[in-house]
Amino acid sequence: MWASAGVSDDDRLDREQARQVLRRAVAMLRPYRRRTTAALALMVVWTLSVLAGPLLVRYGIDQGIAKGDSTALDGAVAAYVVVAVVTYFVYRRLIVDVALAGEGFLRDLRVRVFDHLQELSMPFYDREKAGVLVSRMTSDVDSLAELVQMGLVMFLMNGLLLVLSVLVLGIVSWQLLAVCLLAVPLVVVASIRFQRESNRAYLRVRDRIGQTLSRLQEGIAGVRVIQAYAREERSTGSPTRA
């Protein structure tokens, strides 16, 4: 399901081609290996700090309020404040590292794509529409930018948070875990439907952008011919003068 997101049937890659693309992506990420590793470590710390909040609340209620122990309650409140502050700074640093690594990766990708387009032969541009190529180079890279900067980060963070939350709930209260898991099938079905609809919408938008840019390029290229035969009014749809 996820492998076909935002990809038409003609552009879909097989397993070997997908592996080659992943190898190239990993190779381009090597200059940003330190920031990527730091971002992954910060994701783990952020997830643990988020899960620590409810556990501290539980400890403060059970050991502090229920038993009338003010020391335990004060300790739970102080620990909660510390965890909240740590979570803020960890998340802030995580966003910075991901943004720096993502922007560097996208810059290298844009340069590499532009250099490749410059190296292609003239017969290639005779066969392909310039508007479609520009659309691929802009809209696809912009979509990849959203994936690298926010989409992938949120996917990893929420996935790790989901797994650890299930483990914590299973240890704390399996009854509560069973109740929470009742909503999982509905969420999965809604996600699949949204992915399919968003995939179709994205492909339609990309095709329309490509067609618009192609018409614009063809129109600009034909301006000299139109002016040479004095066909400006007819080409623009204006009424012909007598």
Protein backbone atom coordinates (compact mmCIF):
# COMPACT_ATOMS: atom_id res chain seq x y z
CA MET A 1 0.00 0.00 0.00
CA TRP A 2 2.64 2.51 1.07
CA ALA A 3 4.94 1.68 -1.84
CA SER A 4 2.33 2.92 -4.33
CA ALA A 5 1.65 6.27 -2.65
CA GLY A 6 1.87 9.16 -5.11
CA VAL A 7 3.06 6.90 -7.96
CA SER A 8 1.23 6.10 -11.18
CA ASP A 9 1.19 2.65 -12.74
CA ASP A 10 3.69 3.68 -15.41
CA ASP A 11 6.19 5.05 -12.90
CA ARG A 12 5.91 2.30 -10.29
CA LEU A 13 9.23 0.60 -9.52
CA ASP A 14 9.86 -3.07 -9.01
CA ARG A 15 11.84 -4.40 -6.07
CA GLU A 16 15.25 -4.18 -7.70
CA GLN A 17 14.67 -0.62 -8.88
CA ALA A 18 13.37 0.36 -5.45
CA ARG A 19 16.52 -1.07 -3.87
CA GLN A 20 18.68 0.97 -6.21
CA VAL A 21 16.79 4.13 -5.30
CA LEU A 22 17.20 3.37 -1.59
CA ARG A 23 20.93 2.77 -2.06
CA ARG A 24 21.29 6.13 -3.79
CA ALA A 25 19.31 7.86 -1.05
CA VAL A 26 21.44 6.27 1.66
CA ALA A 27 24.60 7.28 -0.21
CA MET A 28 23.39 10.88 -0.42
CA LEU A 29 22.68 10.86 3.32
CA ARG A 30 26.25 9.95 4.24
CA PRO A 31 27.41 13.58 4.64
CA TYR A 32 24.56 14.03 7.15
CA ARG A 33 25.08 10.77 9.00
CA ARG A 34 25.85 12.41 12.34
CA ARG A 35 22.75 14.57 12.35
CA THR A 36 20.59 11.65 11.24
CA THR A 37 21.96 9.43 14.03
CA ALA A 38 21.47 12.23 16.57
CA ALA A 39 17.90 12.72 15.36
CA LEU A 40 17.11 9.02 15.80
CA ALA A 41 18.54 9.07 19.33
CA LEU A 42 16.51 12.18 20.16
CA MET A 43 13.37 10.44 18.89
CA VAL A 44 13.89 7.66 21.40
CA VAL A 45 14.51 10.15 24.23
CA TRP A 46 11.43 12.17 23.26
CA THR A 47 9.23 9.08 23.21
CA LEU A 48 10.46 7.96 26.64
CA SER A 49 9.92 11.44 28.07
CA VAL A 50 6.37 11.57 26.71
CA LEU A 51 5.55 8.18 28.22
CA ALA A 52 7.10 9.19 31.53
CA GLY A 53 4.47 11.90 32.06
CA PRO A 54 1.43 9.62 32.57
CA LEU A 55 3.49 7.25 34.72
CA LEU A 56 4.49 10.12 36.99
CA VAL A 57 0.86 11.22 37.25
CA ARG A 58 -0.10 7.70 38.23
CA TYR A 59 2.65 7.59 40.83
CA GLY A 60 1.59 10.92 42.29
CA ILE A 61 -2.03 9.79 42.59
CA ASP A 62 -1.37 6.29 43.95
CA GLN A 63 1.57 7.02 46.22
CA GLY A 64 0.91 10.67 47.05
CA ILE A 65 -2.80 11.56 47.05
CA ALA A 66 -4.24 8.13 47.88
CA LYS A 67 -1.83 7.51 50.75
CA GLY A 68 -1.61 11.11 51.90
CA ASP A 69 2.15 11.25 51.36
CA SER A 70 3.06 14.83 50.49
CA THR A 71 6.71 13.95 49.92
CA ALA A 72 5.84 11.45 47.19
CA LEU A 73 3.41 13.92 45.61
CA ASP A 74 5.98 16.73 45.61
CA GLY A 75 8.56 14.40 44.10
CA ALA A 76 6.15 13.36 41.35
CA VAL A 77 5.30 16.99 40.55
CA ALA A 78 8.97 18.02 40.46
CA ALA A 79 9.85 15.05 38.26
CA TYR A 80 6.94 15.87 35.93
CA VAL A 81 8.16 19.45 35.53
CA VAL A 82 11.70 18.25 34.79
CA VAL A 83 10.41 15.76 32.23
CA ALA A 84 8.27 18.45 30.55
CA VAL A 85 11.27 20.78 30.25
CA VAL A 86 13.48 17.98 28.90
CA THR A 87 10.79 17.03 26.39
CA TYR A 88 10.60 20.61 25.09
CA PHE A 89 14.34 20.99 24.55
CA VAL A 90 14.72 17.48 23.10
CA TYR A 91 11.91 18.08 20.59
CA ARG A 92 13.35 21.48 19.67
CA ARG A 93 16.78 20.00 19.01
CA LEU A 94 15.20 17.13 17.08
CA ILE A 95 13.41 19.52 14.72
CA VAL A 96 16.64 21.47 14.16
CA ASP A 97 18.69 18.37 13.33
CA VAL A 98 16.02 16.97 11.02
CA ALA A 99 15.61 20.32 9.24
CA LEU A 100 19.36 20.73 8.68
CA ALA A 101 19.84 17.18 7.45
CA GLY A 102 16.69 17.29 5.33
CA GLU A 103 17.48 20.63 3.70
CA GLY A 104 21.02 19.51 2.90
CA PHE A 105 19.74 16.28 1.39
CA LEU A 106 17.12 18.10 -0.70
CA ARG A 107 19.65 20.67 -1.89
CA ASP A 108 21.98 17.92 -3.09
CA LEU A 109 19.04 16.17 -4.74
CA ARG A 110 17.93 19.30 -6.60
CA VAL A 111 21.46 19.96 -7.82
CA ARG A 112 21.86 16.37 -8.94
CA VAL A 113 18.53 16.35 -10.79
CA PHE A 114 19.27 19.68 -12.50
CA ASP A 115 22.74 18.52 -13.56
CA HIS A 116 21.22 15.33 -14.97
CA LEU A 117 18.65 17.29 -16.97
CA GLN A 118 21.43 19.45 -18.40
CA GLU A 119 23.32 16.36 -19.56
CA LEU A 120 20.39 14.85 -21.48
CA SER A 121 20.41 14.97 -25.26
CA MET A 122 18.21 17.18 -27.42
CA PRO A 123 16.24 14.23 -28.87
CA PHE A 124 15.12 13.43 -25.31
CA TYR A 125 13.50 16.87 -25.01
CA ASP A 126 11.89 16.38 -28.42
CA ARG A 127 10.19 13.23 -27.12
CA GLU A 128 9.31 14.47 -23.63
CA LYS A 129 7.23 17.49 -22.65
CA ALA A 130 9.17 20.19 -20.87
CA GLY A 131 6.21 20.99 -18.63
CA VAL A 132 6.06 17.42 -17.33
CA LEU A 133 9.78 17.47 -16.58
CA VAL A 134 9.52 20.77 -14.70
CA SER A 135 6.52 19.44 -12.79
CA ARG A 136 8.47 16.35 -11.78
CA MET A 137 11.46 18.42 -10.71
CA THR A 138 9.40 20.85 -8.63
CA SER A 139 6.26 19.16 -7.29
CA ASP A 140 7.89 15.79 -6.65
CA VAL A 141 10.84 17.35 -4.84
CA ASP A 142 8.46 19.52 -2.82
CA SER A 143 6.49 16.44 -1.82
CA LEU A 144 9.73 14.73 -0.90
CA ALA A 145 10.65 17.78 1.19
CA GLU A 146 7.45 17.41 3.20
CA LEU A 147 8.21 13.73 3.67
CA VAL A 148 11.82 14.23 4.76
CA GLN A 149 11.24 17.21 7.03
CA MET A 150 7.96 16.32 8.75
CA GLY A 151 6.24 13.23 7.36
CA LEU A 152 9.02 10.74 8.02
CA VAL A 153 9.77 12.25 11.43
CA MET A 154 6.15 12.08 12.53
CA PHE A 155 5.82 8.55 11.19
CA LEU A 156 8.84 7.31 13.14
CA MET A 157 7.97 9.21 16.30
CA ASN A 158 4.33 8.16 16.32
CA GLY A 159 5.21 4.58 15.41
CA LEU A 160 7.73 4.34 18.23
CA LEU A 161 5.28 6.02 20.60
CA LEU A 162 2.55 3.56 19.61
CA VAL A 163 4.74 0.51 20.18
CA LEU A 164 6.03 1.69 23.54
CA SER A 165 2.55 2.82 24.62
CA VAL A 166 1.18 -0.64 23.90
CA LEU A 167 3.97 -2.20 25.96
CA VAL A 168 3.42 0.19 28.87
CA LEU A 169 -0.35 -0.31 28.80
CA GLY A 170 0.14 -4.06 28.69
CA ILE A 171 2.26 -3.87 31.83
CA VAL A 172 0.10 -1.35 33.69
CA SER A 173 -3.41 -2.49 32.73
CA TRP A 174 -4.20 -5.07 30.09
CA GLN A 175 -7.93 -4.25 30.38
CA LEU A 176 -7.26 -0.65 29.32
CA LEU A 177 -5.06 -1.93 26.50
CA ALA A 178 -7.89 -4.15 25.23
CA VAL A 179 -10.30 -1.21 25.21
CA CYS A 180 -7.82 0.99 23.33
CA LEU A 181 -7.16 -1.71 20.72
CA LEU A 182 -10.84 -1.74 19.76
CA ALA A 183 -10.29 1.46 17.77
CA VAL A 184 -7.30 0.09 15.83
CA PRO A 185 -9.29 -1.61 13.00
CA LEU A 186 -11.24 1.61 12.34
CA VAL A 187 -8.05 3.66 12.26
CA VAL A 188 -6.39 1.20 9.86
CA VAL A 189 -9.37 1.19 7.48
CA ALA A 190 -9.60 5.00 7.54
CA SER A 191 -5.86 5.29 6.90
CA ILE A 192 -6.01 2.95 3.90
CA ARG A 193 -8.94 4.84 2.41
CA PHE A 194 -7.28 8.22 2.97
CA GLN A 195 -4.04 6.97 1.41
CA ARG A 196 -5.82 5.80 -1.73
CA GLU A 197 -7.83 8.99 -2.14
CA SER A 198 -4.83 11.25 -1.48
CA ASN A 199 -2.79 9.22 -3.98
CA ARG A 200 -5.38 9.78 -6.73
CA ALA A 201 -5.67 13.49 -5.87
CA TYR A 202 -1.89 13.95 -5.90
CA LEU A 203 -1.54 12.29 -9.30
CA ARG A 204 -4.36 14.42 -10.74
CA VAL A 205 -2.77 17.62 -9.45
CA ARG A 206 0.65 16.64 -10.76
CA ASP A 207 -0.73 15.80 -14.21
CA ARG A 208 -2.63 19.10 -14.40
CA ILE A 209 0.47 21.04 -13.36
CA GLY A 210 2.45 19.23 -16.06
CA GLN A 211 -0.19 20.00 -18.70
CA THR A 212 -0.32 23.66 -17.68
CA LEU A 213 3.44 24.05 -17.83
CA SER A 214 3.56 22.23 -21.17
CA ARG A 215 0.98 24.60 -22.68
CA LEU A 216 2.84 27.58 -21.26
CA GLN A 217 6.14 26.37 -22.72
CA GLU A 218 4.57 25.63 -26.10
CA GLY A 219 2.84 29.01 -26.10
CA ILE A 220 6.03 30.88 -25.33
CA ALA A 221 7.95 28.89 -27.94
CA GLY A 222 5.31 29.73 -30.58
CA VAL A 223 5.16 33.47 -29.89
CA ARG A 224 7.51 34.30 -32.75
CA VAL A 225 5.49 32.29 -35.24
CA ILE A 226 2.25 33.89 -34.07
CA GLN A 227 3.70 37.37 -34.37
CA ALA A 228 5.24 36.61 -37.75
CA TYR A 229 1.80 35.81 -39.19
CA ALA A 230 -0.03 38.47 -37.14
CA ARG A 231 -2.24 35.91 -35.43
CA GLU A 232 -2.14 37.47 -31.93
CA GLU A 233 -5.86 38.21 -31.69
CA ARG A 234 -6.91 34.80 -32.97
CA SER A 235 -4.50 32.99 -30.65
CA THR A 236 -5.70 34.93 -27.60
CA GLY A 237 -9.35 34.47 -28.50
CA SER A 238 -9.96 38.17 -29.09
CA PRO A 239 -12.46 39.19 -31.79
CA THR A 240 -10.87 39.76 -35.18
CA ARG A 241 -10.79 43.37 -36.26
CA ALA A 242 -12.26 44.33 -39.61
